[in-house]
Protein backbone atom coordinates (compact mmCIF):
# COMPACT_ATOMS: atom_id res chain seq x y z
CA MET A 1 -0.93 3.90 33.69
CA THR A 2 2.04 3.18 31.43
CA SER A 3 2.65 -0.47 30.63
CA THR A 4 5.96 -1.98 31.65
CA LEU A 5 6.03 -3.36 28.11
CA SER A 6 5.64 0.08 26.56
CA VAL A 7 6.88 0.39 22.99
CA ARG A 8 9.00 3.49 22.43
CA ARG A 9 7.46 6.15 20.23
CA SER A 10 10.51 6.21 17.98
CA LYS A 11 10.04 2.51 17.29
CA ILE A 12 6.35 3.04 16.44
CA MET A 13 7.30 5.81 14.04
CA ALA A 14 10.02 3.71 12.44
CA TYR A 15 7.55 0.89 11.89
CA GLY A 16 4.61 3.07 10.84
CA GLY A 17 6.60 5.12 8.33
CA LEU A 18 6.60 2.27 5.82
CA SER A 19 2.82 2.57 5.48
CA THR A 20 3.27 6.05 3.94
CA PRO A 21 4.57 4.89 0.52
CA LEU A 22 2.22 1.89 0.60
CA ALA A 23 -0.73 4.28 1.00
CA MET A 24 0.62 6.50 -1.76
CA ILE A 25 0.33 3.59 -4.19
CA GLY A 26 -3.36 2.95 -3.58
CA TYR A 27 -4.51 6.51 -4.22
CA PRO A 28 -3.29 6.96 -7.82
CA ILE A 29 -4.53 3.48 -8.77
CA ALA A 30 -8.01 4.44 -7.58
CA ILE A 31 -8.06 7.95 -9.08
CA TRP A 32 -5.46 8.47 -11.80
CA LEU A 33 -4.12 5.25 -13.28
CA ILE A 34 -7.26 4.02 -15.08
CA PRO A 35 -8.22 7.44 -16.56
CA PHE A 36 -4.61 7.86 -17.74
CA TYR A 37 -4.46 4.53 -19.55
CA SER A 38 -7.93 5.13 -20.97
CA GLU A 39 -7.37 8.65 -22.28
CA VAL A 40 -3.70 8.62 -23.18
CA THR A 41 -3.34 5.05 -24.47
CA LYS A 42 -6.95 4.92 -25.77
CA PHE A 43 -7.80 1.68 -23.99
CA GLN A 44 -11.51 1.09 -23.38
CA LEU A 45 -12.56 1.63 -19.77
CA ALA A 46 -14.41 -1.69 -19.75
CA LEU A 47 -11.27 -3.50 -20.86
CA LEU A 48 -9.15 -1.79 -18.20
CA ALA A 49 -11.74 -2.66 -15.55
CA ASP A 50 -11.59 -6.31 -16.59
CA LEU A 51 -7.80 -6.32 -16.49
CA LEU A 52 -7.80 -4.66 -13.08
CA LEU A 53 -10.27 -7.25 -11.82
CA ILE A 54 -8.07 -10.08 -13.11
CA ALA A 55 -5.00 -8.57 -11.47
CA ARG A 56 -6.82 -7.98 -8.21
CA PHE A 57 -8.21 -11.50 -8.20
CA THR A 58 -4.67 -12.88 -7.96
CA ASP A 59 -4.65 -11.68 -4.35
CA VAL A 60 -7.06 -14.52 -3.55
CA ILE A 61 -4.17 -16.88 -4.27
CA THR A 62 -1.11 -14.88 -3.25
CA ASP A 63 -2.40 -13.40 0.05
CA PRO A 64 -2.87 -16.72 1.91
CA LEU A 65 0.29 -18.18 0.37
CA ILE A 66 2.47 -15.26 1.45
CA GLY A 67 0.81 -15.28 4.86
CA GLN A 68 1.54 -18.98 5.34
CA TRP A 69 5.08 -18.79 3.98
CA GLY A 70 5.78 -15.77 6.15
CA ASP A 71 4.65 -17.60 9.27
CA ILE A 72 6.99 -20.54 8.63
CA THR A 73 10.00 -18.45 7.59
CA LYS A 74 12.94 -18.78 9.97
CA THR A 75 16.03 -16.58 9.60
CA ARG A 76 18.38 -14.86 12.00
CA PHE A 77 16.80 -11.58 10.81
CA GLY A 78 13.29 -12.71 11.73
CA ARG A 79 10.21 -13.87 9.84
CA ARG A 80 8.88 -10.67 8.31
CA LYS A 81 11.91 -8.63 7.29
CA PRO A 82 13.17 -10.99 4.54
CA TRP A 83 9.83 -10.78 2.75
CA ILE A 84 9.80 -7.00 2.87
CA VAL A 85 13.35 -6.93 1.48
CA LEU A 86 12.15 -9.22 -1.32
CA GLY A 87 9.03 -7.19 -2.07
CA VAL A 88 10.53 -3.69 -2.20
CA PRO A 89 12.49 -4.04 -5.49
CA LEU A 90 9.53 -5.80 -7.14
CA MET A 91 7.23 -3.00 -6.06
CA LEU A 92 9.66 -0.29 -7.14
CA TYR A 93 10.14 -1.63 -10.66
CA SER A 94 6.42 -2.32 -11.11
CA VAL A 95 5.52 1.20 -10.03
CA TYR A 96 8.11 2.60 -12.44
CA LYS A 97 6.71 0.61 -15.37
CA LEU A 98 3.09 1.47 -14.53
CA PHE A 99 3.44 5.13 -13.57
CA ILE A 100 6.13 6.13 -16.07
CA PRO A 101 5.34 4.09 -19.19
CA GLY A 102 6.76 4.65 -22.63
CA GLU A 103 4.73 5.59 -25.69
CA ASP A 104 4.00 2.05 -26.91
CA VAL A 105 1.83 0.45 -24.21
CA THR A 106 -0.11 -2.73 -24.92
CA VAL A 107 -2.87 -4.53 -23.06
CA ALA A 108 -0.36 -7.24 -22.06
CA TYR A 109 2.01 -4.55 -20.74
CA PHE A 110 -0.67 -3.11 -18.45
CA LEU A 111 -1.86 -6.51 -17.22
CA ILE A 112 1.62 -7.85 -16.48
CA TRP A 113 2.81 -4.83 -14.54
CA ILE A 114 -0.41 -4.29 -12.59
CA MET A 115 -0.29 -7.96 -11.55
CA LEU A 116 3.35 -7.67 -10.50
CA MET A 117 2.56 -4.45 -8.63
CA TYR A 118 -0.17 -6.23 -6.66
CA LEU A 119 2.18 -9.14 -6.03
CA GLY A 120 4.81 -6.74 -4.67
CA SER A 121 2.15 -5.11 -2.50
CA THR A 122 1.21 -8.52 -1.10
CA VAL A 123 4.81 -9.58 -0.47
CA ILE A 124 5.35 -6.38 1.53
CA GLY A 125 1.90 -5.77 3.01
CA ILE A 126 0.99 -9.17 4.47
CA PRO A 127 4.23 -9.64 6.45
CA TYR A 128 4.22 -5.94 7.35
CA GLY A 129 0.76 -6.16 8.92
CA ALA A 130 1.66 -9.33 10.83
CA TRP A 131 4.91 -7.72 11.99
CA GLY A 132 3.00 -4.91 13.70
CA ALA A 133 1.04 -7.42 15.79
CA GLU A 134 4.27 -9.07 16.95
CA ILE A 135 6.24 -6.01 18.10
CA SER A 136 4.70 -6.27 21.57
CA PRO A 137 2.76 -9.02 23.36
CA ASP A 138 0.70 -6.39 25.20
CA TYR A 139 -2.77 -5.64 23.78
CA HIS A 140 -2.68 -1.89 24.41
CA GLN A 141 0.85 -1.53 23.03
CA ARG A 142 -0.21 -3.31 19.85
CA SER A 143 -3.07 -0.81 19.60
CA ARG A 144 -0.53 2.02 19.81
CA VAL A 145 1.56 0.44 17.07
CA VAL A 146 -1.43 0.06 14.74
CA SER A 147 -2.67 3.59 15.51
CA GLY A 148 0.75 4.97 14.63
CA ARG A 149 0.76 3.00 11.40
CA GLU A 150 -2.66 4.31 10.39
CA ALA A 151 -1.53 7.89 11.07
CA PHE A 152 1.22 7.41 8.50
CA VAL A 153 -1.36 5.99 6.07
CA LEU A 154 -3.19 9.32 6.26
CA ILE A 155 0.09 11.15 5.63
CA GLY A 156 0.68 9.03 2.52
CA LEU A 157 -2.81 9.78 1.21
CA LEU A 158 -2.30 13.49 1.86
CA ILE A 159 1.01 13.50 -0.04
CA SER A 160 -0.60 11.77 -3.01
CA ALA A 161 -3.48 14.25 -3.00
CA LEU A 162 -1.08 17.23 -2.93
CA ILE A 163 1.05 16.08 -5.88
CA PRO A 164 -1.66 16.91 -8.48
CA LEU A 165 -2.08 20.30 -6.78
CA GLY A 166 1.63 21.01 -7.13
CA VAL A 167 1.62 20.04 -10.80
CA GLU A 168 -1.42 22.21 -11.47
CA VAL A 169 -0.04 25.26 -9.70
CA SER A 170 3.46 25.04 -11.16
CA GLY A 171 2.45 23.97 -14.66
CA ASN A 172 -0.41 26.36 -15.36
CA ASN A 173 0.73 29.39 -13.36
CA ILE A 174 -2.55 29.42 -11.42
CA SER A 175 -3.34 30.31 -7.84
CA ILE A 176 -3.26 27.74 -5.06
CA SER A 177 -7.01 28.21 -4.47
CA GLU A 178 -7.79 27.41 -8.11
CA GLY A 179 -5.40 24.46 -7.97
CA LEU A 180 -7.18 23.17 -4.88
CA SER A 181 -10.50 23.48 -6.69
CA ARG A 182 -9.24 21.48 -9.67
CA THR A 183 -7.67 18.84 -7.45
CA PHE A 184 -10.91 18.53 -5.50
CA SER A 185 -12.80 18.11 -8.77
CA ALA A 186 -10.39 15.42 -9.95
CA ILE A 187 -10.72 13.45 -6.70
CA PHE A 188 -14.48 13.64 -6.23
CA PHE A 189 -15.83 14.34 -9.72
CA PHE A 190 -13.13 12.68 -11.88
CA GLN A 191 -12.20 15.83 -13.80
CA ASP A 192 -10.12 14.96 -16.87
CA PHE A 193 -6.61 16.46 -16.93
CA SER A 194 -5.63 14.75 -20.18
CA SER A 195 -6.64 17.76 -22.28
CA SER A 196 -3.83 19.74 -20.65
CA ASN A 197 -1.43 16.78 -21.02
CA GLN A 198 -0.87 16.68 -17.28
CA MET A 199 -2.03 13.19 -16.37
CA ARG A 200 1.28 11.69 -17.47
CA GLU A 201 3.18 14.30 -15.46
CA ILE A 202 1.04 13.76 -12.35
CA LEU A 203 1.47 9.99 -12.45
CA GLY A 204 5.19 10.42 -13.11
CA TYR A 205 5.70 12.54 -10.01
CA MET A 206 3.60 10.14 -7.94
CA GLY A 207 5.70 7.23 -9.16
CA LEU A 208 8.97 9.03 -8.44
CA GLY A 209 7.76 9.92 -4.94
CA ILE A 210 6.99 6.27 -4.21
CA ILE A 211 10.28 5.10 -5.74
CA PHE A 212 12.20 7.54 -3.56
CA ILE A 213 10.59 7.00 -0.15
CA LEU A 214 9.64 3.29 -0.25
CA PRO A 215 13.21 1.93 0.07
CA LEU A 216 14.09 4.69 2.54
CA PHE A 217 11.20 3.96 4.92
CA ALA A 218 11.61 0.20 4.49
CA ALA A 219 15.30 0.49 5.45
CA ILE A 220 14.43 2.54 8.56
CA ALA A 221 11.84 -0.02 9.68
CA ILE A 222 14.17 -2.97 9.08
CA TRP A 223 17.02 -1.23 10.90
CA LYS A 224 15.15 0.16 13.89
CA VAL A 225 12.33 -2.30 14.62
CA PRO A 226 12.90 -5.83 15.96
CA ASP A 227 11.32 -8.81 14.24
CA PRO A 228 10.92 -11.28 17.11
CA MET A 229 10.60 -14.99 16.44
CA PRO A 230 7.81 -16.67 18.44
CA LYS A 231 8.96 -18.62 21.47
CA ILE A 232 6.14 -21.13 21.08
CA GLU A 233 5.00 -22.31 17.67
CA LYS A 234 1.46 -23.61 17.62
CA LYS A 235 -0.51 -24.36 14.48
CA ILE A 236 -4.25 -23.83 14.86
CA PRO A 237 -6.57 -25.70 12.44
CA LEU A 238 -8.70 -23.51 10.20
CA LYS A 239 -11.97 -24.60 11.82
CA GLN A 240 -10.68 -23.83 15.29
CA GLY A 241 -9.28 -20.48 14.15
CA LEU A 242 -12.65 -19.48 12.69
CA LYS A 243 -14.29 -20.47 15.97
CA TYR A 244 -11.90 -18.22 17.91
CA ALA A 245 -12.64 -15.36 15.51
CA MET A 246 -16.42 -15.74 15.83
CA GLU A 247 -16.13 -15.59 19.62
CA ASN A 248 -14.58 -12.11 19.37
CA PRO A 249 -17.38 -9.64 18.42
CA LEU A 250 -14.95 -6.75 17.84
CA LEU A 251 -12.92 -8.86 15.42
CA VAL A 252 -16.10 -9.89 13.60
CA ARG A 253 -17.00 -6.22 13.12
CA ILE A 254 -13.56 -5.39 11.78
CA LEU A 255 -13.61 -8.34 9.37
CA ALA A 256 -17.07 -7.33 8.15
CA ILE A 257 -15.88 -3.78 7.47
CA ILE A 258 -12.79 -5.03 5.61
CA PHE A 259 -14.96 -7.37 3.53
CA LEU A 260 -17.32 -4.54 2.57
CA VAL A 261 -14.48 -2.16 1.69
CA ILE A 262 -12.63 -4.71 -0.45
């Protein structure tokens, strides 16, 4: 039975599309960024791991702050949209500096821009996730919204995985099957492309792809999807909120999975 509060599919797609460029950012950081800075800039892997840990640790501070500030934001455009508008240019410039660096790259350069990239991801991602839960008050409609968003996450990951394949096939004049084999090796066995001087090119194309579609998909979401302000504002104390969470076994499972993944 269709809910009377049904969210239109076009609205779900407009909202979910923004998760595509956000997913595209996570893949190269996990697979390509660290090997590139290690092999091309000659940074030690241990040093890069420490810097990445420091940058990632800043989320412990920024995530709850952005979440709280987003909840108390009041504008005629809504609570979530202003933060996404603020985060997009920060994310774009950080991705450009990280993915398309010059020849002279220092440790401070890497640390600053990876921290700003994570900050931009937080400024966009935290309000974006909360926004999806507010599009409809109906439980099943919210499930549809989140399912649509996760489908676009898979599309973003697929695009990121196909970019190295395209570079391999076009740059080395090899067959698609051989390119697929090399891409598979890079993803699962960390094959080194630096000997063929392609890591810089792969990261460059990934960065340009993100730079192109992030503002486009953000604009579509902001234009097409409402950002409703809550009719009733109620602040729940932390202790009471944790109690509510523990009483929901499905939520506990989800939180446990997120904790293990992070």
